[in-house]
Amino acid sequence: MTIREVEHGPEGLTADQLAQLGEGAIAYVRPIKSEEAQVLFPQIRGLKPGQQLYAVLGASGAPILLADSRDAALANAWENKLATVSVH
């Protein structure tokens, strides 16, 4: 990878432009623990420490949804016409 690719992304895109690709069309489904969920979704209260949850994040990484199962996260993304990809 060249320095130009790091600064501008593929095809000469800036980091901001790259982050916006797929916004409103692509969502990432990522397993997270409740402690990380509290950071991404500060409005949520009462999560038990160590609880396994699933976050749906927009293409830019913005939090969209928190679910207690992968199936629920995927179903919600699909209902909202978002193509999903998994992030580990």
C-alpha atoms as a PDB file:
ATOM      1  CA  MET A   1       0.000   0.000   0.000  1.00  0.00           C
ATOM      2  CA  THR A   2       1.350   3.412  -0.891  1.00  0.00           C
ATOM      3  CA  ILE A   3       1.151   6.579   1.172  1.00  0.00           C
ATOM      4  CA  ARG A   4      -1.232   8.011  -1.442  1.00  0.00           C
ATOM      5  CA  GLU A   5      -3.627   5.083  -0.909  1.00  0.00           C
ATOM      6  CA  VAL A   6      -3.583   5.592   2.845  1.00  0.00           C
ATOM      7  CA  GLU A   7      -4.249   9.337   2.553  1.00  0.00           C
ATOM      8  CA  HIS A   8      -6.758   9.180  -0.274  1.00  0.00           C
ATOM      9  CA  GLY A   9      -8.118   5.632  -0.394  1.00  0.00           C
ATOM     10  CA  PRO A  10      -8.750   3.707  -3.606  1.00  0.00           C
ATOM     11  CA  GLU A  11      -9.321   5.625  -6.829  1.00  0.00           C
ATOM     12  CA  GLY A  12      -8.119   8.877  -5.243  1.00  0.00           C
ATOM     13  CA  LEU A  13     -11.013   9.139  -2.770  1.00  0.00           C
ATOM     14  CA  THR A  14     -10.444  11.117   0.396  1.00  0.00           C
ATOM     15  CA  ALA A  15     -10.961   9.403   3.743  1.00  0.00           C
ATOM     16  CA  ASP A  16     -14.255  11.311   4.176  1.00  0.00           C
ATOM     17  CA  GLN A  17     -15.496  10.282   0.728  1.00  0.00           C
ATOM     18  CA  LEU A  18     -14.547   6.669   1.414  1.00  0.00           C
ATOM     19  CA  ALA A  19     -16.452   6.736   4.723  1.00  0.00           C
ATOM     20  CA  GLN A  20     -19.577   7.972   2.925  1.00  0.00           C
ATOM     21  CA  LEU A  21     -19.573   5.242   0.261  1.00  0.00           C
ATOM     22  CA  GLY A  22     -22.560   3.031   0.815  1.00  0.00           C
ATOM     23  CA  GLU A  23     -24.151   5.312   3.421  1.00  0.00           C
ATOM     24  CA  GLY A  24     -27.865   4.548   3.456  1.00  0.00           C
ATOM     25  CA  ALA A  25     -27.327   1.355   1.446  1.00  0.00           C
ATOM     26  CA  ILE A  26     -24.793  -0.764   3.361  1.00  0.00           C
ATOM     27  CA  ALA A  27     -24.757  -1.725   7.024  1.00  0.00           C
ATOM     28  CA  TYR A  28     -22.188  -3.623   9.031  1.00  0.00           C
ATOM     29  CA  VAL A  29     -23.312  -6.209  11.562  1.00  0.00           C
ATOM     30  CA  ARG A  30     -20.758  -6.643  14.300  1.00  0.00           C
ATOM     31  CA  PRO A  31     -20.811  -8.707  17.488  1.00  0.00           C
ATOM     32  CA  ILE A  32     -19.994  -6.559  20.510  1.00  0.00           C
ATOM     33  CA  LYS A  33     -20.005  -6.902  24.280  1.00  0.00           C
ATOM     34  CA  SER A  34     -22.333  -4.798  26.408  1.00  0.00           C
ATOM     35  CA  GLU A  35     -19.453  -2.617  27.616  1.00  0.00           C
ATOM     36  CA  GLU A  36     -18.702  -1.487  24.048  1.00  0.00           C
ATOM     37  CA  ALA A  37     -22.428  -1.129  23.359  1.00  0.00           C
ATOM     38  CA  GLN A  38     -22.650   1.432  26.181  1.00  0.00           C
ATOM     39  CA  VAL A  39     -20.034   3.531  24.378  1.00  0.00           C
ATOM     40  CA  LEU A  40     -21.699   3.284  20.948  1.00  0.00           C
ATOM     41  CA  PHE A  41     -25.250   3.643  22.299  1.00  0.00           C
ATOM     42  CA  PRO A  42     -24.932   5.817  25.453  1.00  0.00           C
ATOM     43  CA  GLN A  43     -28.715   6.181  25.760  1.00  0.00           C
ATOM     44  CA  ILE A  44     -29.140   2.467  26.554  1.00  0.00           C
ATOM     45  CA  ARG A  45     -29.302   1.566  30.235  1.00  0.00           C
ATOM     46  CA  GLY A  46     -29.356  -1.657  32.228  1.00  0.00           C
ATOM     47  CA  LEU A  47     -27.063  -3.886  30.161  1.00  0.00           C
ATOM     48  CA  LYS A  48     -25.392  -6.694  32.075  1.00  0.00           C
ATOM     49  CA  PRO A  49     -21.578  -6.731  31.903  1.00  0.00           C
ATOM     50  CA  GLY A  50     -20.185  -9.230  29.393  1.00  0.00           C
ATOM     51  CA  GLN A  51     -23.475  -9.634  27.520  1.00  0.00           C
ATOM     52  CA  GLN A  52     -23.079 -10.568  23.828  1.00  0.00           C
ATOM     53  CA  LEU A  53     -24.961  -8.172  21.541  1.00  0.00           C
ATOM     54  CA  TYR A  54     -24.990  -7.252  17.854  1.00  0.00           C
ATOM     55  CA  ALA A  55     -24.569  -3.735  16.513  1.00  0.00           C
ATOM     56  CA  VAL A  56     -25.762  -2.544  13.119  1.00  0.00           C
ATOM     57  CA  LEU A  57     -23.499   0.259  11.951  1.00  0.00           C
ATOM     58  CA  GLY A  58     -23.799   2.468   8.882  1.00  0.00           C
ATOM     59  CA  ALA A  59     -21.151   2.489   6.173  1.00  0.00           C
ATOM     60  CA  SER A  60     -19.449   5.404   7.946  1.00  0.00           C
ATOM     61  CA  GLY A  61     -19.443   3.488  11.247  1.00  0.00           C
ATOM     62  CA  ALA A  62     -22.350   5.441  12.745  1.00  0.00           C
ATOM     63  CA  PRO A  63     -24.398   3.296  15.156  1.00  0.00           C
ATOM     64  CA  ILE A  64     -27.887   2.444  13.875  1.00  0.00           C
ATOM     65  CA  LEU A  65     -29.254  -0.402  15.967  1.00  0.00           C
ATOM     66  CA  LEU A  66     -28.424  -2.712  18.844  1.00  0.00           C
ATOM     67  CA  ALA A  67     -29.931  -6.205  19.002  1.00  0.00           C
ATOM     68  CA  ASP A  68     -29.616  -9.215  21.270  1.00  0.00           C
ATOM     69  CA  SER A  69     -29.246 -11.657  18.372  1.00  0.00           C
ATOM     70  CA  ARG A  70     -27.540 -11.652  14.991  1.00  0.00           C
ATOM     71  CA  ASP A  71     -30.796 -12.715  13.327  1.00  0.00           C
ATOM     72  CA  ALA A  72     -32.652  -9.732  14.807  1.00  0.00           C
ATOM     73  CA  ALA A  73     -29.904  -7.346  13.683  1.00  0.00           C
ATOM     74  CA  LEU A  74     -29.951  -8.756  10.144  1.00  0.00           C
ATOM     75  CA  ALA A  75     -33.745  -8.722   9.946  1.00  0.00           C
ATOM     76  CA  ASN A  76     -33.900  -5.072  10.968  1.00  0.00           C
ATOM     77  CA  ALA A  77     -31.238  -4.084   8.435  1.00  0.00           C
ATOM     78  CA  TRP A  78     -33.033  -5.967   5.661  1.00  0.00           C
ATOM     79  CA  GLU A  79     -36.381  -4.389   6.631  1.00  0.00           C
ATOM     80  CA  ASN A  80     -34.724  -1.026   6.124  1.00  0.00           C
ATOM     81  CA  LYS A  81     -33.324  -2.106   2.735  1.00  0.00           C
ATOM     82  CA  LEU A  82     -29.713  -2.131   3.892  1.00  0.00           C
ATOM     83  CA  ALA A  83     -27.302  -4.625   2.356  1.00  0.00           C
ATOM     84  CA  THR A  84     -25.385  -6.231   5.218  1.00  0.00           C
ATOM     85  CA  VAL A  85     -21.813  -7.309   5.705  1.00  0.00           C
ATOM     86  CA  SER A  86     -20.263  -8.841   8.810  1.00  0.00           C
ATOM     87  CA  VAL A  87     -17.333  -7.329  10.646  1.00  0.00           C
ATOM     88  CA  HIS A  88     -15.300  -9.394  13.091  1.00  0.00           C
END
